[in-house]
Amino acid sequence: MKSFLNFLCTSLLVALVLFLPINVFSKTIKYDLSIEKKPITIHGRTSSGMTINVSIPGPVLKFTEGDFARIKVHNKMDVNTSIHWQGIFGNQSGSIVFAS
């Protein structure tokens, strides 16, 4: 009876670990990005350019595989703007998974 109880407890523990949602073990990484036109100076010449958090290039966003990314993007430009997410792998169709 004791060995059956040990087997049952071990089986339950293994089942919990295997079937728990992956986000139990991951963390949520949050970033807040602001895209706006600001004066920039390159090689002593000042001009206006699109910045992300008042810098060019924008900040490096760091994650570990399995993390959830919550990224808020505030477009303060006068025109529609898009961001190229370098290094983020999507599904087979090429779209980023769970991006909205």
Protein backbone atom coordinates (compact mmCIF):
# COMPACT_ATOMS: atom_id res chain seq x y z
CA MET A 1 0.00 0.00 0.00
CA LYS A 2 2.84 2.40 0.85
CA SER A 3 4.54 1.82 -2.53
CA PHE A 4 1.22 2.44 -4.34
CA LEU A 5 0.80 5.71 -2.44
CA ASN A 6 4.36 6.76 -3.37
CA PHE A 7 3.65 5.86 -7.01
CA LEU A 8 0.43 7.86 -6.97
CA CYS A 9 2.08 10.93 -5.44
CA THR A 10 5.01 10.75 -7.88
CA SER A 11 2.66 10.34 -10.85
CA LEU A 12 0.60 13.32 -9.72
CA LEU A 13 3.72 15.48 -9.33
CA VAL A 14 5.01 14.51 -12.79
CA ALA A 15 1.59 15.21 -14.34
CA LEU A 16 1.43 18.64 -12.70
CA VAL A 17 4.88 19.60 -13.96
CA LEU A 18 4.19 18.36 -17.49
CA PHE A 19 0.75 19.90 -17.88
CA LEU A 20 1.11 23.22 -16.05
CA PRO A 21 0.99 26.19 -18.43
CA ILE A 22 4.46 27.31 -19.46
CA ASN A 23 3.81 30.83 -18.12
CA VAL A 24 3.99 29.47 -14.57
CA PHE A 25 7.74 29.14 -15.11
CA SER A 26 8.27 32.23 -17.28
CA LYS A 27 8.33 35.90 -16.44
CA THR A 28 6.72 38.91 -18.09
CA ILE A 29 9.14 41.52 -19.40
CA LYS A 30 7.61 44.99 -19.85
CA TYR A 31 8.83 47.82 -22.05
CA ASP A 32 7.29 51.20 -22.79
CA LEU A 33 8.43 52.71 -26.10
CA SER A 34 7.73 56.22 -27.34
CA ILE A 35 8.25 56.99 -31.04
CA GLU A 36 8.59 60.69 -31.81
CA LYS A 37 10.34 63.22 -34.01
CA LYS A 38 13.22 64.88 -32.15
CA PRO A 39 16.30 66.91 -33.09
CA ILE A 40 19.35 64.68 -33.46
CA THR A 41 22.98 65.57 -34.02
CA ILE A 42 25.25 63.32 -36.06
CA HIS A 43 28.84 64.38 -36.84
CA GLY A 44 28.09 67.92 -35.72
CA ARG A 45 25.04 68.36 -37.95
CA THR A 46 21.60 68.70 -36.39
CA SER A 47 18.46 67.49 -38.09
CA SER A 48 15.15 66.02 -36.99
CA GLY A 49 14.62 62.30 -37.00
CA MET A 50 12.40 59.53 -35.72
CA THR A 51 13.58 58.43 -32.28
CA ILE A 52 12.55 55.65 -29.95
CA ASN A 53 12.69 56.77 -26.31
CA VAL A 54 14.61 59.85 -27.55
CA SER A 55 17.46 57.78 -29.02
CA ILE A 56 18.71 56.44 -32.33
CA PRO A 57 18.93 53.51 -32.51
CA GLY A 58 16.18 52.58 -30.09
CA PRO A 59 16.84 50.59 -26.93
CA VAL A 60 17.82 46.93 -26.96
CA LEU A 61 14.98 44.79 -25.61
CA LYS A 62 16.26 41.67 -23.85
CA PHE A 63 14.32 38.49 -23.19
CA THR A 64 14.93 34.86 -22.35
CA GLU A 65 13.26 32.11 -24.34
CA GLY A 66 9.86 31.40 -22.81
CA ASP A 67 9.37 34.92 -21.40
CA PHE A 68 6.26 36.90 -22.23
CA ALA A 69 6.88 40.36 -23.68
CA ARG A 70 4.48 43.17 -22.95
CA ILE A 71 5.56 46.10 -25.12
CA LYS A 72 3.55 49.32 -25.24
CA VAL A 73 4.36 51.51 -28.23
CA HIS A 74 3.23 55.14 -28.20
CA ASN A 75 3.26 56.70 -31.67
CA LYS A 76 3.81 60.44 -31.18
CA MET A 77 4.61 60.98 -34.85
CA ASP A 78 2.28 62.85 -37.20
CA VAL A 79 2.14 59.77 -39.47
CA ASN A 80 1.48 56.05 -39.09
CA THR A 81 4.62 54.22 -38.02
CA SER A 82 5.78 50.61 -37.87
CA ILE A 83 8.58 48.83 -36.05
CA HIS A 84 10.75 46.04 -37.41
CA TRP A 85 11.24 43.50 -34.61
CA GLN A 86 14.75 42.24 -35.36
CA GLY A 87 15.49 38.83 -33.86
CA ILE A 88 11.91 37.84 -32.98
CA PHE A 89 10.95 34.58 -34.64
CA GLY A 90 7.35 34.09 -35.61
CA ASN A 91 5.38 31.12 -36.80
CA GLN A 92 5.74 29.48 -40.22
CA SER A 93 3.66 32.20 -41.89
CA GLY A 94 6.21 34.79 -40.77
CA SER A 95 3.95 36.62 -38.34
CA ILE A 96 4.90 37.20 -34.72
CA VAL A 97 3.02 34.90 -32.43
CA PHE A 98 0.51 36.61 -30.08
CA ALA A 99 1.36 40.11 -31.35
CA SER A 100 -1.48 42.57 -31.28
